[in-house]
Protein backbone atom coordinates (compact mmCIF):
# COMPACT_ATOMS: atom_id res chain seq x y z
CA MET A 1 4.64 24.73 8.23
CA MET A 2 8.33 24.23 8.67
CA LEU A 3 7.66 20.53 9.43
CA PHE A 4 5.56 20.14 6.06
CA ALA A 5 8.21 21.89 4.23
CA ILE A 6 10.88 19.68 5.62
CA THR A 7 8.95 16.44 4.83
CA GLY A 8 8.53 17.92 1.46
CA ILE A 9 12.38 17.83 0.93
CA THR A 10 12.76 14.35 2.42
CA LEU A 11 10.00 12.99 0.13
CA ASN A 12 11.56 14.48 -3.09
CA HIS A 13 14.87 12.95 -1.93
CA ALA A 14 13.53 9.60 -0.62
CA SER A 15 15.79 7.52 -3.03
CA GLN A 16 18.75 9.29 -1.37
CA ILE A 17 17.96 8.74 2.19
CA GLU A 18 19.20 5.47 3.34
CA SER A 19 16.79 3.72 5.49
CA ARG A 20 17.34 0.44 7.19
CA PRO A 21 14.01 -1.37 8.14
CA VAL A 22 13.84 -2.99 11.27
CA VAL A 23 11.67 -6.15 10.98
CA THR A 24 10.68 -7.89 14.26
CA ALA A 25 8.93 -11.48 13.67
CA LYS A 26 7.31 -13.33 16.42
CA THR A 27 5.59 -16.87 16.25
CA ALA A 28 3.38 -18.59 18.71
CA GLN A 29 0.91 -21.36 19.02
CA LEU A 30 -2.73 -20.35 19.45
CA PRO A 31 -4.26 -22.13 22.71
CA ALA A 32 -6.54 -25.03 21.66
CA ASP A 33 -9.74 -23.45 23.15
CA LEU A 34 -8.94 -20.35 20.99
CA LEU A 35 -8.09 -22.16 17.96
CA SER A 36 -11.64 -23.95 18.20
CA HIS A 37 -13.24 -20.49 18.18
CA LEU A 38 -11.49 -20.03 14.91
CA GLN A 39 -12.29 -23.37 13.52
CA ALA A 40 -15.95 -22.94 14.23
CA LEU A 41 -16.01 -19.93 11.93
CA ILE A 42 -15.42 -22.19 8.93
CA VAL A 43 -18.36 -23.71 7.78
CA GLU A 44 -18.36 -26.78 5.30
CA GLY A 45 -14.79 -25.75 4.24
CA GLU A 46 -16.01 -21.91 3.42
CA PRO A 47 -14.52 -19.27 5.28
CA PRO A 48 -16.58 -16.46 6.95
CA SER A 49 -17.82 -13.20 5.20
CA LYS A 50 -15.28 -10.61 4.75
CA ASP A 51 -16.55 -8.30 7.59
CA THR A 52 -16.10 -11.05 10.24
CA LEU A 53 -13.54 -10.00 12.59
CA LEU A 54 -11.45 -12.30 14.89
CA PRO A 55 -13.27 -13.34 17.94
CA SER A 56 -12.63 -11.13 20.79
CA THR A 57 -11.07 -13.75 22.86
CA VAL A 58 -8.49 -14.22 20.10
CA SER A 59 -7.78 -10.50 19.58
CA ASP A 60 -7.40 -10.11 23.50
CA TRP A 61 -5.02 -13.04 23.33
CA LEU A 62 -2.98 -11.44 20.58
CA GLN A 63 -3.01 -8.07 22.32
CA ARG A 64 -1.76 -9.56 25.57
CA THR A 65 0.97 -11.93 23.83
CA TRP A 66 2.32 -9.55 21.32
CA GLY A 67 0.71 -6.20 21.91
CA ALA A 68 -0.85 -6.59 18.41
CA PRO A 69 -3.80 -4.20 18.10
CA VAL A 70 -5.97 -6.49 15.58
CA ALA A 71 -9.28 -6.21 17.23
CA GLU A 72 -10.48 -3.16 14.85
CA HIS A 73 -8.69 -4.41 11.72
CA ALA A 74 -10.38 -6.53 8.97
CA VAL A 75 -9.65 -10.15 8.46
CA GLU A 76 -8.74 -11.52 5.13
CA TRP A 77 -10.21 -15.17 5.52
CA SER A 78 -9.47 -18.49 3.79
CA ALA A 79 -10.21 -21.96 4.49
CA ASP A 80 -6.67 -22.32 5.55
CA GLU A 81 -5.76 -18.99 7.56
CA ALA A 82 -6.75 -15.69 8.76
CA TYR A 83 -4.64 -12.88 7.72
CA ILE A 84 -4.70 -9.30 8.91
CA ALA A 85 -2.74 -6.37 7.52
CA MET A 86 -1.85 -3.66 9.85
CA PRO A 87 -0.32 -0.80 7.75
CA ARG A 88 0.70 2.05 9.87
CA PRO A 89 2.82 5.23 9.36
CA GLY A 90 6.32 4.60 9.13
CA GLY A 91 6.19 0.92 8.95
CA ASP A 92 3.94 -1.86 8.42
CA ALA A 93 2.61 -5.08 10.33
CA TRP A 94 0.83 -8.15 9.69
CA LEU A 95 -0.47 -11.34 11.39
CA ARG A 96 -1.34 -14.69 10.13
CA ILE A 97 -2.93 -17.55 11.80
CA ASP A 98 -3.16 -21.24 10.40
CA ILE A 99 -6.49 -22.34 11.00
CA ALA A 100 -5.82 -25.98 11.03
CA THR A 101 -2.60 -25.78 13.26
CA GLY A 102 -3.14 -22.66 15.20
CA GLN A 103 0.46 -21.56 14.43
CA ALA A 104 0.31 -17.74 14.58
CA GLU A 105 2.99 -15.27 12.94
CA TYR A 106 3.28 -11.79 13.83
CA GLU A 107 5.78 -9.44 11.92
CA VAL A 108 6.24 -5.56 12.32
CA THR A 109 8.32 -3.41 10.08
CA ASP A 110 9.63 -0.16 11.29
CA ARG A 111 11.19 2.01 8.52
CA GLY A 112 12.37 4.81 10.94
CA TRP A 113 11.28 8.47 11.91
CA VAL A 114 11.88 9.87 8.44
CA SER A 115 9.48 7.45 6.78
CA TRP A 116 7.07 8.30 9.75
CA LEU A 117 7.08 11.81 9.16
CA ASN A 118 6.82 11.48 5.17
CA ASP A 119 3.64 9.22 5.95
CA LEU A 120 2.30 11.91 8.09
CA HIS A 121 2.86 14.41 5.41
CA LYS A 122 1.04 12.37 2.76
CA GLY A 123 -1.78 11.21 5.34
CA ARG A 124 -0.80 7.38 4.71
CA HIS A 125 -2.26 4.92 6.97
CA THR A 126 -2.90 7.87 9.65
CA GLY A 127 -6.64 7.57 10.30
CA VAL A 128 -9.61 10.00 9.68
CA LEU A 129 -8.69 12.31 12.46
CA TRP A 130 -5.08 13.13 10.93
CA ALA A 131 -6.69 13.34 7.25
CA TRP A 132 -9.03 15.97 8.55
CA PHE A 133 -6.35 18.14 10.28
CA ILE A 134 -3.91 18.28 7.37
CA ASP A 135 -7.10 19.20 5.16
CA ALA A 136 -7.80 21.98 7.61
CA PHE A 137 -4.05 22.79 7.78
CA ALA A 138 -3.95 22.98 4.07
CA VAL A 139 -6.97 25.43 4.07
CA VAL A 140 -5.22 27.52 6.76
CA CYS A 141 -2.23 27.81 4.43
CA LEU A 142 -4.68 28.94 1.56
CA ILE A 143 -5.85 31.55 3.69
CA PHE A 144 -2.56 32.54 4.76
CA SER A 145 -1.38 32.85 1.12
CA ALA A 146 -4.52 34.90 0.14
CA THR A 147 -4.16 37.30 3.05
CA GLY A 148 -0.61 37.68 2.21
CA LEU A 149 -1.58 38.54 -1.34
CA LEU A 150 -3.85 41.21 0.03
CA ILE A 151 -0.94 42.51 2.03
CA LEU A 152 1.12 42.79 -1.01
CA LYS A 153 -1.64 44.56 -2.91
CA TYR A 154 -1.69 47.31 -0.07
CA HIS A 155 2.00 47.88 -0.04
CA SER A 156 2.67 47.50 -3.75
CA ALA A 157 2.02 51.28 -4.55
CA LYS A 158 5.15 52.02 -2.75
CA ARG A 159 7.16 49.06 -4.00
CA PRO A 160 7.22 48.80 -7.91
CA GLY A 161 8.93 45.41 -7.91
CA THR A 162 6.13 43.70 -6.07
CA TRP A 163 4.02 42.55 -8.95
CA PRO A 164 7.01 41.38 -11.16
CA LEU A 165 8.37 39.25 -8.52
CA VAL A 166 4.93 37.69 -7.72
CA GLY A 167 4.49 37.21 -11.46
CA LEU A 168 7.92 35.53 -11.49
CA GLY A 169 6.68 33.15 -8.53
CA LEU A 170 3.76 31.97 -10.86
CA VAL A 171 5.48 31.92 -13.97
CA LEU A 172 8.97 30.05 -13.07
CA PRO A 173 7.23 26.97 -11.63
CA ALA A 174 4.85 26.84 -14.60
CA LEU A 175 7.78 27.01 -17.06
CA ILE A 176 9.81 24.41 -15.11
CA ALA A 177 6.83 22.02 -14.83
CA ILE A 178 6.16 22.57 -18.80
CA LEU A 179 9.63 22.37 -19.90
CA PHE A 180 11.27 19.76 -17.55
CA ILE A 181 8.58 17.36 -16.32
CA HIS A 182 7.89 14.60 -18.65
């Protein structure tokens, strides 16, 4: 809960937190035998269907050469190139292969740990397992809040200020939202 609260603060002040992204760009020439595998996918100048992945020989070479995890990523095909977007928490990556020449470019951007934590907070580019985890965490927070209200109800008879404070906790955020959010 503390990490969730901290990342809530960093998200609210993202424009005030300076970040210096680190961009790593690499280029290489695809071996001729692998290039022929890509070129074989282009039939009569038409790119393959959207659901066609890179041939495993090409994705294996990219993994060995750059550590680029492209095997599971969708490919945006055109008659001229294969482009793979690989967004990730706290950064971004992309890969482009020129189908005519075999020139390959790979770029990775790392925006730092604050960006990484903020993306985890939002569930951005984190995968289905993390999305399920933060949903379950949200349900647990709701249960925690509901049981807290039950405990307040139990102790409120001896503490007359309980319900006015709970009411203020509801009314104050609502007034701020109504009056100051445009």
